[in-house]
Amino acid sequence: MKTKKNNLSILFSFCLIVLSFSCRNNTKEIAENKENKNISIQKITPKKNISSEFKKYWYSGTAEVSSYQLSQARYGEMREGKAVLIYVTEPFLADKQVKADKNHPDNIPILKLNATKKYHTGIYPYSIMTSSFYSVHDNKHATKISFSAQEWCGHVYAQLNNKAEDFKITSHSYFENEADQNFTISKETLENELWNKLRIDPSSLPIGNINIIPSLEFIRLSHKELKAYKAIATQKKEGKYNHYSIYYPEAERTLTIKYTNHFPYTIEGWQETFTSGYGNHKKELTTSAKRIKTINSPYWSKNGNKDLYLRDSLGL
């Protein structure tokens, strides 16, 4: 009788081990299938062909640097300053999501935009930079977006990574109700990526009623929730220029980008209308930027005192 009980106990323990191993394998298999499914979605998305015109301009070993006269709405008043858009192509690591140091078949060819703004609010300065990394094949969402703002009260940093089923967000702020955050949001069109998409193929810009995640700059400086908002996107032609506009009813904000309607689709300027300020200083104002000059230069090698004249040529 005792032997029978021992046998049953051994059999029961064996079944538990098999069941546990099976569950672990099943969980692993589900995770692997989910990961493979995400990879498959990325792989089967058709890549757009890169034209010889695009290659000649964007793979010349230089960056495109454009300066703008900026009139920025902040705290219910207009501030004068300068903005610079720096576009350049570079290889990008898919896993680490940083610029690749070496050539590799898995590198993502991207068109990077570093957009900077500098202006003063009274006694203290603002310095803002947003970086958008977008595939030159125009076949997926931006791989990465990062934003930082520095002023005398403190600085703010936010980063969006496109690695999984949802966008991963990391955000740091000196404001108590924002502080340090890590969260995810569902993938929708990113306003930031549209500035890259426009330079590759403006005919592929989304039109109509769509959901768009506003720029990280607007979200952070207005202290609004980072999420997709209902928007209406339109495009119209006026002479040799096109105007691409996005209207956000809930955020009461309109962004219009003016660009040439022929390659390389140079951005001539933009306007952004929204409510600025707090309390009695709260009012609807329009930020605007007008192009000063564009140069094509390997700016990373122009770092000597002898190269300062280039800033003068850009009106900076």
C-alpha atoms as a PDB file:
ATOM      1  CA  MET A   1       0.000   0.000   0.000  1.00  0.00           C
ATOM      2  CA  LYS A   2       2.858   2.350   0.883  1.00  0.00           C
ATOM      3  CA  THR A   3       4.626   1.475  -2.382  1.00  0.00           C
ATOM      4  CA  LYS A   4       1.454   2.291  -4.330  1.00  0.00           C
ATOM      5  CA  LYS A   5       1.206   5.708  -2.650  1.00  0.00           C
ATOM      6  CA  ASN A   6       4.859   6.406  -3.416  1.00  0.00           C
ATOM      7  CA  ASN A   7       4.315   5.505  -7.060  1.00  0.00           C
ATOM      8  CA  LEU A   8       1.296   7.799  -7.273  1.00  0.00           C
ATOM      9  CA  SER A   9       3.302  10.607  -5.663  1.00  0.00           C
ATOM     10  CA  ILE A  10       6.140  10.146  -8.152  1.00  0.00           C
ATOM     11  CA  LEU A  11       3.681  10.086 -11.048  1.00  0.00           C
ATOM     12  CA  PHE A  12       1.962  13.235  -9.780  1.00  0.00           C
ATOM     13  CA  SER A  13       5.294  15.082  -9.423  1.00  0.00           C
ATOM     14  CA  PHE A  14       6.312  14.024 -12.920  1.00  0.00           C
ATOM     15  CA  CYS A  15       3.030  15.373 -14.352  1.00  0.00           C
ATOM     16  CA  LEU A  16       3.568  18.702 -12.603  1.00  0.00           C
ATOM     17  CA  ILE A  17       7.074  18.995 -14.078  1.00  0.00           C
ATOM     18  CA  VAL A  18       5.811  18.197 -17.594  1.00  0.00           C
ATOM     19  CA  LEU A  19       2.919  20.633 -17.223  1.00  0.00           C
ATOM     20  CA  SER A  20       5.208  23.392 -15.924  1.00  0.00           C
ATOM     21  CA  PHE A  21       7.707  22.851 -18.740  1.00  0.00           C
ATOM     22  CA  SER A  22       4.877  22.860 -21.279  1.00  0.00           C
ATOM     23  CA  CYS A  23       3.451  26.154 -19.913  1.00  0.00           C
ATOM     24  CA  ARG A  24       6.859  27.814 -19.978  1.00  0.00           C
ATOM     25  CA  ASN A  25       7.434  26.683 -23.552  1.00  0.00           C
ATOM     26  CA  ASN A  26       3.945  27.800 -24.527  1.00  0.00           C
ATOM     27  CA  THR A  27       4.513  31.251 -22.988  1.00  0.00           C
ATOM     28  CA  LYS A  28       7.863  31.500 -24.736  1.00  0.00           C
ATOM     29  CA  GLU A  29       6.279  30.377 -28.008  1.00  0.00           C
ATOM     30  CA  ILE A  30       3.522  33.015 -27.701  1.00  0.00           C
ATOM     31  CA  ALA A  31       6.103  35.738 -27.019  1.00  0.00           C
ATOM     32  CA  GLU A  32       8.245  34.575 -29.948  1.00  0.00           C
ATOM     33  CA  ASN A  33       5.221  34.422 -32.245  1.00  0.00           C
ATOM     34  CA  LYS A  34       4.209  37.944 -31.185  1.00  0.00           C
ATOM     35  CA  GLU A  35       7.745  39.203 -31.795  1.00  0.00           C
ATOM     36  CA  ASN A  36       7.927  37.430 -35.161  1.00  0.00           C
ATOM     37  CA  LYS A  37       4.541  38.867 -36.073  1.00  0.00           C
ATOM     38  CA  ASN A  38       5.839  42.401 -35.419  1.00  0.00           C
ATOM     39  CA  ILE A  39       8.977  41.668 -37.434  1.00  0.00           C
ATOM     40  CA  SER A  40       6.898  40.246 -40.272  1.00  0.00           C
ATOM     41  CA  ILE A  41       4.742  43.375 -40.370  1.00  0.00           C
ATOM     42  CA  GLN A  42       7.857  45.490 -40.741  1.00  0.00           C
ATOM     43  CA  LYS A  43       9.294  43.188 -43.441  1.00  0.00           C
ATOM     44  CA  ILE A  44       6.245  42.933 -45.673  1.00  0.00           C
ATOM     45  CA  THR A  45       5.626  46.693 -45.721  1.00  0.00           C
ATOM     46  CA  PRO A  46       6.687  47.701 -49.242  1.00  0.00           C
ATOM     47  CA  LYS A  47       9.673  49.995 -49.549  1.00  0.00           C
ATOM     48  CA  LYS A  48       9.452  52.938 -51.899  1.00  0.00           C
ATOM     49  CA  ASN A  49      12.156  53.196 -54.505  1.00  0.00           C
ATOM     50  CA  ILE A  50      14.710  55.957 -54.008  1.00  0.00           C
ATOM     51  CA  SER A  51      15.029  58.113 -57.114  1.00  0.00           C
ATOM     52  CA  SER A  52      18.387  59.029 -58.658  1.00  0.00           C
ATOM     53  CA  GLU A  53      17.458  62.671 -58.002  1.00  0.00           C
ATOM     54  CA  PHE A  54      17.029  61.932 -54.297  1.00  0.00           C
ATOM     55  CA  LYS A  55      20.310  60.005 -54.115  1.00  0.00           C
ATOM     56  CA  LYS A  56      22.251  62.747 -55.899  1.00  0.00           C
ATOM     57  CA  TYR A  57      21.004  65.427 -53.507  1.00  0.00           C
ATOM     58  CA  TRP A  58      20.799  63.603 -50.177  1.00  0.00           C
ATOM     59  CA  TYR A  59      23.831  61.303 -50.526  1.00  0.00           C
ATOM     60  CA  SER A  60      26.337  63.957 -51.588  1.00  0.00           C
ATOM     61  CA  GLY A  61      28.246  63.841 -48.300  1.00  0.00           C
ATOM     62  CA  THR A  62      26.720  67.084 -47.029  1.00  0.00           C
ATOM     63  CA  ALA A  63      23.795  68.196 -44.886  1.00  0.00           C
ATOM     64  CA  GLU A  64      21.157  70.746 -45.835  1.00  0.00           C
ATOM     65  CA  VAL A  65      21.147  73.626 -43.342  1.00  0.00           C
ATOM     66  CA  SER A  66      18.345  76.218 -43.522  1.00  0.00           C
ATOM     67  CA  SER A  67      18.036  79.262 -41.265  1.00  0.00           C
ATOM     68  CA  TYR A  68      14.748  81.016 -40.446  1.00  0.00           C
ATOM     69  CA  GLN A  69      13.657  84.284 -38.917  1.00  0.00           C
ATOM     70  CA  LEU A  70      11.446  83.170 -36.047  1.00  0.00           C
ATOM     71  CA  SER A  71       8.567  84.961 -34.351  1.00  0.00           C
ATOM     72  CA  GLN A  72       7.601  82.662 -31.468  1.00  0.00           C
ATOM     73  CA  ALA A  73       4.488  82.871 -29.285  1.00  0.00           C
ATOM     74  CA  ARG A  74       5.320  82.197 -25.629  1.00  0.00           C
ATOM     75  CA  TYR A  75       3.534  83.232 -22.407  1.00  0.00           C
ATOM     76  CA  GLY A  76       0.985  85.291 -24.328  1.00  0.00           C
ATOM     77  CA  GLU A  77       3.545  87.465 -26.132  1.00  0.00           C
ATOM     78  CA  MET A  78       5.577  87.284 -29.346  1.00  0.00           C
ATOM     79  CA  ARG A  79       9.326  86.665 -29.116  1.00  0.00           C
ATOM     80  CA  GLU A  80      11.879  87.199 -31.877  1.00  0.00           C
ATOM     81  CA  GLY A  81      14.501  84.560 -32.514  1.00  0.00           C
ATOM     82  CA  LYS A  82      16.080  82.174 -35.015  1.00  0.00           C
ATOM     83  CA  ALA A  83      15.291  78.642 -36.090  1.00  0.00           C
ATOM     84  CA  VAL A  84      17.448  76.184 -38.018  1.00  0.00           C
ATOM     85  CA  LEU A  85      16.439  72.977 -39.803  1.00  0.00           C
ATOM     86  CA  ILE A  86      19.295  70.538 -40.445  1.00  0.00           C
ATOM     87  CA  TYR A  87      18.459  67.609 -42.739  1.00  0.00           C
ATOM     88  CA  VAL A  88      20.961  64.827 -43.408  1.00  0.00           C
ATOM     89  CA  THR A  89      20.897  61.147 -44.338  1.00  0.00           C
ATOM     90  CA  GLU A  90      22.698  58.587 -42.196  1.00  0.00           C
ATOM     91  CA  PRO A  91      22.684  54.860 -41.343  1.00  0.00           C
ATOM     92  CA  PHE A  92      20.744  53.964 -38.209  1.00  0.00           C
ATOM     93  CA  LEU A  93      20.963  50.900 -35.952  1.00  0.00           C
ATOM     94  CA  ALA A  94      17.562  49.212 -35.698  1.00  0.00           C
ATOM     95  CA  ASP A  95      18.160  47.682 -32.252  1.00  0.00           C
ATOM     96  CA  LYS A  96      20.017  50.464 -30.406  1.00  0.00           C
ATOM     97  CA  GLN A  97      18.278  53.203 -32.423  1.00  0.00           C
ATOM     98  CA  VAL A  98      21.346  55.389 -32.733  1.00  0.00           C
ATOM     99  CA  LYS A  99      23.597  56.360 -35.631  1.00  0.00           C
ATOM    100  CA  ALA A 100      25.590  53.365 -36.894  1.00  0.00           C
ATOM    101  CA  ASP A 101      29.381  53.606 -36.734  1.00  0.00           C
ATOM    102  CA  LYS A 102      29.869  50.879 -39.350  1.00  0.00           C
ATOM    103  CA  ASN A 103      28.111  49.607 -42.459  1.00  0.00           C
ATOM    104  CA  HIS A 104      25.826  46.632 -41.833  1.00  0.00           C
ATOM    105  CA  PRO A 105      23.030  44.993 -43.891  1.00  0.00           C
ATOM    106  CA  ASP A 106      20.562  45.559 -41.024  1.00  0.00           C
ATOM    107  CA  ASN A 107      21.194  49.320 -40.815  1.00  0.00           C
ATOM    108  CA  ILE A 108      18.177  51.523 -41.542  1.00  0.00           C
ATOM    109  CA  PRO A 109      18.858  54.337 -44.051  1.00  0.00           C
ATOM    110  CA  ILE A 110      17.155  57.362 -42.544  1.00  0.00           C
ATOM    111  CA  LEU A 111      16.610  61.044 -43.232  1.00  0.00           C
ATOM    112  CA  LYS A 112      17.318  62.869 -39.975  1.00  0.00           C
ATOM    113  CA  LEU A 113      15.957  66.278 -39.062  1.00  0.00           C
ATOM    114  CA  ASN A 114      17.471  68.300 -36.241  1.00  0.00           C
ATOM    115  CA  ALA A 115      15.186  71.304 -35.713  1.00  0.00           C
ATOM    116  CA  THR A 116      16.431  74.042 -33.376  1.00  0.00           C
ATOM    117  CA  LYS A 117      14.943  77.252 -31.976  1.00  0.00           C
ATOM    118  CA  LYS A 118      16.509  80.023 -29.909  1.00  0.00           C
ATOM    119  CA  TYR A 119      14.596  82.988 -28.479  1.00  0.00           C
ATOM    120  CA  HIS A 120      14.326  85.034 -25.278  1.00  0.00           C
ATOM    121  CA  THR A 121      11.460  85.428 -22.839  1.00  0.00           C
ATOM    122  CA  GLY A 122      12.335  88.598 -20.983  1.00  0.00           C
ATOM    123  CA  ILE A 123      15.636  88.187 -19.163  1.00  0.00           C
ATOM    124  CA  TYR A 124      16.130  84.489 -19.858  1.00  0.00           C
ATOM    125  CA  PRO A 125      16.760  82.468 -23.051  1.00  0.00           C
ATOM    126  CA  TYR A 126      15.032  79.409 -24.514  1.00  0.00           C
ATOM    127  CA  SER A 127      16.946  76.756 -26.447  1.00  0.00           C
ATOM    128  CA  ILE A 128      14.914  73.988 -28.091  1.00  0.00           C
ATOM    129  CA  MET A 129      15.874  71.015 -30.247  1.00  0.00           C
ATOM    130  CA  THR A 130      13.846  68.192 -31.769  1.00  0.00           C
ATOM    131  CA  SER A 131      15.387  65.258 -33.644  1.00  0.00           C
ATOM    132  CA  SER A 132      13.313  63.058 -35.981  1.00  0.00           C
ATOM    133  CA  PHE A 133      14.685  59.872 -37.564  1.00  0.00           C
ATOM    134  CA  TYR A 134      12.625  58.611 -40.513  1.00  0.00           C
ATOM    135  CA  SER A 135      13.243  55.847 -43.078  1.00  0.00           C
ATOM    136  CA  VAL A 136      14.155  57.157 -46.550  1.00  0.00           C
ATOM    137  CA  HIS A 137      11.976  54.349 -47.921  1.00  0.00           C
ATOM    138  CA  ASP A 138       8.938  56.152 -46.441  1.00  0.00           C
ATOM    139  CA  ASN A 139       7.370  52.851 -45.427  1.00  0.00           C
ATOM    140  CA  LYS A 140       6.967  53.004 -41.635  1.00  0.00           C
ATOM    141  CA  HIS A 141       6.652  55.360 -38.685  1.00  0.00           C
ATOM    142  CA  ALA A 142       9.647  57.350 -37.477  1.00  0.00           C
ATOM    143  CA  THR A 143      12.198  55.103 -35.805  1.00  0.00           C
ATOM    144  CA  LYS A 144      12.883  57.614 -33.053  1.00  0.00           C
ATOM    145  CA  ILE A 145      11.953  61.152 -31.961  1.00  0.00           C
ATOM    146  CA  SER A 146      13.694  63.104 -29.216  1.00  0.00           C
ATOM    147  CA  PHE A 147      13.052  66.561 -27.791  1.00  0.00           C
ATOM    148  CA  SER A 148      14.790  68.816 -25.277  1.00  0.00           C
ATOM    149  CA  ALA A 149      14.193  72.356 -24.013  1.00  0.00           C
ATOM    150  CA  GLN A 150      16.484  74.389 -21.787  1.00  0.00           C
ATOM    151  CA  GLU A 151      15.722  77.654 -20.007  1.00  0.00           C
ATOM    152  CA  TRP A 152      16.610  79.172 -16.662  1.00  0.00           C
ATOM    153  CA  CYS A 153      13.784  77.438 -14.788  1.00  0.00           C
ATOM    154  CA  GLY A 154      15.138  74.024 -15.798  1.00  0.00           C
ATOM    155  CA  HIS A 155      15.148  71.600 -18.680  1.00  0.00           C
ATOM    156  CA  VAL A 156      12.780  69.020 -20.162  1.00  0.00           C
ATOM    157  CA  TYR A 157      13.567  65.911 -22.174  1.00  0.00           C
ATOM    158  CA  ALA A 158      11.295  63.452 -23.979  1.00  0.00           C
ATOM    159  CA  GLN A 159      12.021  60.519 -26.269  1.00  0.00           C
ATOM    160  CA  LEU A 160       9.822  58.259 -28.396  1.00  0.00           C
ATOM    161  CA  ASN A 161      11.138  54.894 -29.595  1.00  0.00           C
ATOM    162  CA  ASN A 162       9.519  52.730 -32.263  1.00  0.00           C
ATOM    163  CA  LYS A 163      10.599  49.201 -31.377  1.00  0.00           C
ATOM    164  CA  ALA A 164       7.519  47.171 -30.471  1.00  0.00           C
ATOM    165  CA  GLU A 165       3.769  47.068 -30.991  1.00  0.00           C
ATOM    166  CA  ASP A 166       3.336  50.471 -29.318  1.00  0.00           C
ATOM    167  CA  PHE A 167       5.489  53.590 -29.125  1.00  0.00           C
ATOM    168  CA  LYS A 168       7.663  53.643 -26.010  1.00  0.00           C
ATOM    169  CA  ILE A 169       7.887  57.037 -24.278  1.00  0.00           C
ATOM    170  CA  THR A 170      10.483  58.262 -21.802  1.00  0.00           C
ATOM    171  CA  SER A 171      10.012  61.762 -20.381  1.00  0.00           C
ATOM    172  CA  HIS A 172      11.810  63.861 -17.780  1.00  0.00           C
ATOM    173  CA  SER A 173      10.731  67.261 -16.468  1.00  0.00           C
ATOM    174  CA  TYR A 174      11.378  69.598 -13.562  1.00  0.00           C
ATOM    175  CA  PHE A 175       7.589  70.054 -13.126  1.00  0.00           C
ATOM    176  CA  GLU A 176       6.108  67.994 -10.272  1.00  0.00           C
ATOM    177  CA  ASN A 177       3.101  66.655 -12.179  1.00  0.00           C
ATOM    178  CA  GLU A 178       5.285  65.519 -15.097  1.00  0.00           C
ATOM    179  CA  ALA A 179       8.569  64.503 -13.403  1.00  0.00           C
ATOM    180  CA  ASP A 180       9.966  61.140 -14.643  1.00  0.00           C
ATOM    181  CA  GLN A 181       7.661  59.031 -16.795  1.00  0.00           C
ATOM    182  CA  ASN A 182       7.858  55.786 -18.761  1.00  0.00           C
ATOM    183  CA  PHE A 183       4.796  54.637 -20.687  1.00  0.00           C
ATOM    184  CA  THR A 184       3.524  53.478 -24.079  1.00  0.00           C
ATOM    185  CA  ILE A 185       0.978  54.847 -26.554  1.00  0.00           C
ATOM    186  CA  SER A 186      -0.683  53.274 -29.574  1.00  0.00           C
ATOM    187  CA  LYS A 187       0.938  53.954 -32.910  1.00  0.00           C
ATOM    188  CA  GLU A 188      -0.588  56.742 -34.966  1.00  0.00           C
ATOM    189  CA  THR A 189       0.779  59.304 -37.402  1.00  0.00           C
ATOM    190  CA  LEU A 190       3.423  61.480 -35.749  1.00  0.00           C
ATOM    191  CA  GLU A 191       3.448  65.192 -36.520  1.00  0.00           C
ATOM    192  CA  ASN A 192       7.217  65.169 -36.123  1.00  0.00           C
ATOM    193  CA  GLU A 193       7.704  62.533 -38.818  1.00  0.00           C
ATOM    194  CA  LEU A 194       5.678  64.540 -41.349  1.00  0.00           C
ATOM    195  CA  TRP A 195       8.516  67.086 -41.631  1.00  0.00           C
ATOM    196  CA  ASN A 196      10.745  64.239 -42.891  1.00  0.00           C
ATOM    197  CA  LYS A 197       8.058  62.621 -45.012  1.00  0.00           C
ATOM    198  CA  LEU A 198       7.413  65.937 -46.785  1.00  0.00           C
ATOM    199  CA  ARG A 199      11.042  66.129 -47.958  1.00  0.00           C
ATOM    200  CA  ILE A 200      10.944  62.584 -49.373  1.00  0.00           C
ATOM    201  CA  ASP A 201       7.545  62.532 -51.078  1.00  0.00           C
ATOM    202  CA  PRO A 202       4.974  65.230 -50.204  1.00  0.00           C
ATOM    203  CA  SER A 203       2.333  63.407 -52.262  1.00  0.00           C
ATOM    204  CA  SER A 204       2.356  60.692 -49.567  1.00  0.00           C
ATOM    205  CA  LEU A 205       1.387  63.100 -46.770  1.00  0.00           C
ATOM    206  CA  PRO A 206      -1.871  62.034 -45.072  1.00  0.00           C
ATOM    207  CA  ILE A 207      -4.959  64.043 -46.042  1.00  0.00           C
ATOM    208  CA  GLY A 208      -8.427  64.200 -44.454  1.00  0.00           C
ATOM    209  CA  ASN A 209      -9.719  63.250 -41.001  1.00  0.00           C
ATOM    210  CA  ILE A 210      -6.953  61.376 -39.212  1.00  0.00           C
ATOM    211  CA  ASN A 211      -5.471  60.832 -35.765  1.00  0.00           C
ATOM    212  CA  ILE A 212      -2.127  62.564 -35.221  1.00  0.00           C
ATOM    213  CA  ILE A 213       0.238  62.684 -32.251  1.00  0.00           C
ATOM    214  CA  PRO A 214       1.248  66.393 -32.015  1.00  0.00           C
ATOM    215  CA  SER A 215       4.884  67.468 -31.930  1.00  0.00           C
ATOM    216  CA  LEU A 216       6.809  66.752 -28.732  1.00  0.00           C
ATOM    217  CA  GLU A 217       7.601  70.474 -28.544  1.00  0.00           C
ATOM    218  CA  PHE A 218       3.935  71.464 -28.447  1.00  0.00           C
ATOM    219  CA  ILE A 219       3.024  68.707 -25.979  1.00  0.00           C
ATOM    220  CA  ARG A 220       5.841  69.498 -23.546  1.00  0.00           C
ATOM    221  CA  LEU A 221       5.556  73.309 -23.647  1.00  0.00           C
ATOM    222  CA  SER A 222       1.751  73.301 -23.414  1.00  0.00           C
ATOM    223  CA  HIS A 223       1.765  70.547 -20.755  1.00  0.00           C
ATOM    224  CA  LYS A 224      -0.876  68.568 -22.641  1.00  0.00           C
ATOM    225  CA  GLU A 225      -1.288  64.795 -22.597  1.00  0.00           C
ATOM    226  CA  LEU A 226       0.920  62.956 -25.071  1.00  0.00           C
ATOM    227  CA  LYS A 227      -1.587  61.027 -27.174  1.00  0.00           C
ATOM    228  CA  ALA A 228      -3.190  61.025 -30.611  1.00  0.00           C
ATOM    229  CA  TYR A 229      -5.691  63.822 -31.279  1.00  0.00           C
ATOM    230  CA  LYS A 230      -8.329  64.030 -33.993  1.00  0.00           C
ATOM    231  CA  ALA A 231      -7.047  66.239 -36.782  1.00  0.00           C
ATOM    232  CA  ILE A 232      -7.948  67.470 -40.252  1.00  0.00           C
ATOM    233  CA  ALA A 233      -5.077  67.580 -42.745  1.00  0.00           C
ATOM    234  CA  THR A 234      -5.278  69.506 -46.038  1.00  0.00           C
ATOM    235  CA  GLN A 235      -2.939  70.404 -48.855  1.00  0.00           C
ATOM    236  CA  LYS A 236      -3.222  73.202 -51.389  1.00  0.00           C
ATOM    237  CA  LYS A 237      -1.075  74.678 -54.137  1.00  0.00           C
ATOM    238  CA  GLU A 238      -0.382  78.375 -54.580  1.00  0.00           C
ATOM    239  CA  GLY A 239       1.942  79.156 -57.484  1.00  0.00           C
ATOM    240  CA  LYS A 240       5.297  77.472 -56.948  1.00  0.00           C
ATOM    241  CA  TYR A 241       4.517  76.693 -53.303  1.00  0.00           C
ATOM    242  CA  ASN A 242       2.407  74.113 -51.506  1.00  0.00           C
ATOM    243  CA  HIS A 243       0.806  74.577 -48.101  1.00  0.00           C
ATOM    244  CA  TYR A 244       0.290  71.527 -45.896  1.00  0.00           C
ATOM    245  CA  SER A 245      -2.003  72.240 -42.921  1.00  0.00           C
ATOM    246  CA  ILE A 246      -3.058  70.298 -39.844  1.00  0.00           C
ATOM    247  CA  TYR A 247      -5.945  71.506 -37.677  1.00  0.00           C
ATOM    248  CA  TYR A 248      -6.496  70.005 -34.195  1.00  0.00           C
ATOM    249  CA  PRO A 249     -10.030  70.929 -33.002  1.00  0.00           C
ATOM    250  CA  GLU A 250      -9.543  69.690 -29.415  1.00  0.00           C
ATOM    251  CA  ALA A 251      -6.159  71.378 -28.993  1.00  0.00           C
ATOM    252  CA  GLU A 252      -7.381  74.490 -30.855  1.00  0.00           C
ATOM    253  CA  ARG A 253      -4.181  74.520 -32.881  1.00  0.00           C
ATOM    254  CA  THR A 254      -3.315  74.815 -36.572  1.00  0.00           C
ATOM    255  CA  LEU A 255       0.066  74.122 -38.173  1.00  0.00           C
ATOM    256  CA  THR A 256       0.796  75.103 -41.787  1.00  0.00           C
ATOM    257  CA  ILE A 257       4.070  74.270 -43.551  1.00  0.00           C
ATOM    258  CA  LYS A 258       4.957  76.164 -46.736  1.00  0.00           C
ATOM    259  CA  TYR A 259       7.311  74.414 -49.168  1.00  0.00           C
ATOM    260  CA  THR A 260       8.334  74.520 -52.839  1.00  0.00           C
ATOM    261  CA  ASN A 261       6.309  72.118 -55.000  1.00  0.00           C
ATOM    262  CA  HIS A 262       9.382  70.797 -56.822  1.00  0.00           C
ATOM    263  CA  PHE A 263      12.309  68.696 -55.616  1.00  0.00           C
ATOM    264  CA  PRO A 264      13.977  69.001 -53.105  1.00  0.00           C
ATOM    265  CA  TYR A 265      10.757  70.470 -51.625  1.00  0.00           C
ATOM    266  CA  THR A 266      12.542  73.189 -49.652  1.00  0.00           C
ATOM    267  CA  ILE A 267      10.645  74.388 -46.575  1.00  0.00           C
ATOM    268  CA  GLU A 268      10.102  78.134 -46.972  1.00  0.00           C
ATOM    269  CA  GLY A 269       8.513  78.630 -43.581  1.00  0.00           C
ATOM    270  CA  TRP A 270       5.644  77.694 -41.304  1.00  0.00           C
ATOM    271  CA  GLN A 271       2.879  79.111 -39.132  1.00  0.00           C
ATOM    272  CA  GLU A 272       1.474  77.683 -35.915  1.00  0.00           C
ATOM    273  CA  THR A 273      -1.642  79.200 -34.348  1.00  0.00           C
ATOM    274  CA  PHE A 274      -2.605  78.228 -30.782  1.00  0.00           C
ATOM    275  CA  THR A 275      -3.598  79.674 -27.420  1.00  0.00           C
ATOM    276  CA  SER A 276      -0.561  81.022 -25.592  1.00  0.00           C
ATOM    277  CA  GLY A 277      -0.111  82.321 -22.072  1.00  0.00           C
ATOM    278  CA  TYR A 278      -1.865  81.947 -18.730  1.00  0.00           C
ATOM    279  CA  GLY A 279      -4.552  83.913 -16.884  1.00  0.00           C
ATOM    280  CA  ASN A 280      -4.932  87.465 -18.191  1.00  0.00           C
ATOM    281  CA  HIS A 281      -2.110  86.884 -20.686  1.00  0.00           C
ATOM    282  CA  LYS A 282      -3.904  83.977 -22.356  1.00  0.00           C
ATOM    283  CA  LYS A 283      -4.668  84.673 -26.030  1.00  0.00           C
ATOM    284  CA  GLU A 284      -4.551  83.139 -29.491  1.00  0.00           C
ATOM    285  CA  LEU A 285      -1.261  83.933 -31.214  1.00  0.00           C
ATOM    286  CA  THR A 286       0.567  82.742 -34.323  1.00  0.00           C
ATOM    287  CA  THR A 287       4.171  81.604 -34.365  1.00  0.00           C
ATOM    288  CA  SER A 288       5.804  82.096 -37.776  1.00  0.00           C
ATOM    289  CA  ALA A 289       9.123  81.338 -39.439  1.00  0.00           C
ATOM    290  CA  LYS A 290      10.484  82.609 -42.774  1.00  0.00           C
ATOM    291  CA  ARG A 291      13.515  81.137 -44.512  1.00  0.00           C
ATOM    292  CA  ILE A 292      16.660  83.278 -44.566  1.00  0.00           C
ATOM    293  CA  LYS A 293      19.082  81.035 -46.437  1.00  0.00           C
ATOM    294  CA  THR A 294      19.917  77.409 -47.228  1.00  0.00           C
ATOM    295  CA  ILE A 295      23.407  75.961 -47.624  1.00  0.00           C
ATOM    296  CA  ASN A 296      24.626  72.412 -48.245  1.00  0.00           C
ATOM    297  CA  SER A 297      27.649  71.724 -46.111  1.00  0.00           C
ATOM    298  CA  PRO A 298      29.470  69.008 -44.130  1.00  0.00           C
ATOM    299  CA  TYR A 299      28.919  71.243 -41.099  1.00  0.00           C
ATOM    300  CA  TRP A 300      30.446  68.691 -38.708  1.00  0.00           C
ATOM    301  CA  SER A 301      33.863  69.487 -40.186  1.00  0.00           C
ATOM    302  CA  LYS A 302      33.304  73.266 -40.142  1.00  0.00           C
ATOM    303  CA  ASN A 303      34.179  73.705 -36.490  1.00  0.00           C
ATOM    304  CA  GLY A 304      37.130  76.106 -36.626  1.00  0.00           C
ATOM    305  CA  ASN A 305      37.164  79.840 -35.979  1.00  0.00           C
ATOM    306  CA  LYS A 306      37.830  80.276 -39.688  1.00  0.00           C
ATOM    307  CA  ASP A 307      34.351  78.800 -40.335  1.00  0.00           C
ATOM    308  CA  LEU A 308      32.450  81.404 -38.311  1.00  0.00           C
ATOM    309  CA  TYR A 309      31.668  83.322 -41.513  1.00  0.00           C
ATOM    310  CA  LEU A 310      29.196  80.561 -42.410  1.00  0.00           C
ATOM    311  CA  ARG A 311      26.986  81.656 -39.525  1.00  0.00           C
ATOM    312  CA  ASP A 312      27.001  85.169 -40.971  1.00  0.00           C
ATOM    313  CA  SER A 313      25.966  83.796 -44.354  1.00  0.00           C
ATOM    314  CA  LEU A 314      23.035  82.029 -42.668  1.00  0.00           C
ATOM    315  CA  GLY A 315      22.034  85.191 -40.839  1.00  0.00           C
ATOM    316  CA  LEU A 316      22.766  83.626 -37.464  1.00  0.00           C
END
